[in-house]
């Protein structure tokens, strides 16, 4: 049991698990749109870059941008564990390998998503005489994070295979995915309430309280369900797939309702994030 716990901790807190979750959403989009599911170079890039980014984000507060030398010195002083170095090295090799085969138009989407991610983690945005991170802006933090997920897990597979799909269903699928991610972020926001308040960061729970935050999250998910039913009414999505996606959204709502400021370290990182994998499982069952 101790060995199993160490393995789970390595996967979850080494951000391999969240990389698998993002990849699951990419595969879910493939299944929904009758795209062959394969471990393509694009899929490998999504997995490896997600793992690298989340590990980078974990240490981003300790990275200095005052100068190139200061940045290099801050990287050297991060004190990465052996497992972080090994998994990071493997992900870098996978990322470089996949880059060779990724088409230019897909690479452009990854670059845009990467810019969003860097602005989220690093103080790159000048505002009122200071340089701030995107996550410090109350009304931009979650929308930009959700948009990044939608770009990578919806637009990338659709554009990669150059499907002849009208803009309407593409837009609705992307919006629905973004709202899904927004809802999944709510338990994390509630978890970090005390820390963000201590550091003076204005987040939804800090400004509006936990109860209002939960209501916002549930309303966002209900809005996404509405968009999805518009897809069905217009013949752009099959009914079993709609039900499968709705089921995963109900699970996400349950996580929001149960979320607390004092929660197990597995609650958000394992169970809430795992809803992405659960969505893939539901969608797979729907098309059997």
Foldseek 3Di string as FASTA:
>chain_A
DVVVVVVVCCCLVLQLVLLVLLLLLLVLLCLQVVHDDDCALLSLLSSLVRSLLVVCLVQLVQADDPDPVSRVVSVVPSPDDPSNVVSNVVSVVSNVVSVVPQDPVLVVLVVVLVVLSCLQRHQCCDDPNGGHGQCLDAVRNLLSVLLSSLSSRQVNVCVRVVDPDDPLVSVLSSLLSSLLSSLLCLLVCQQCQVVCVVVVRDYCCVVPNLVVSLVVSLVSNVVSLVSVVVCVVVVNGDPQLSVLQVVLSVQSSVLSVPRHNDDDPCSSSPRSSCSSNSSSVSSVVSVD
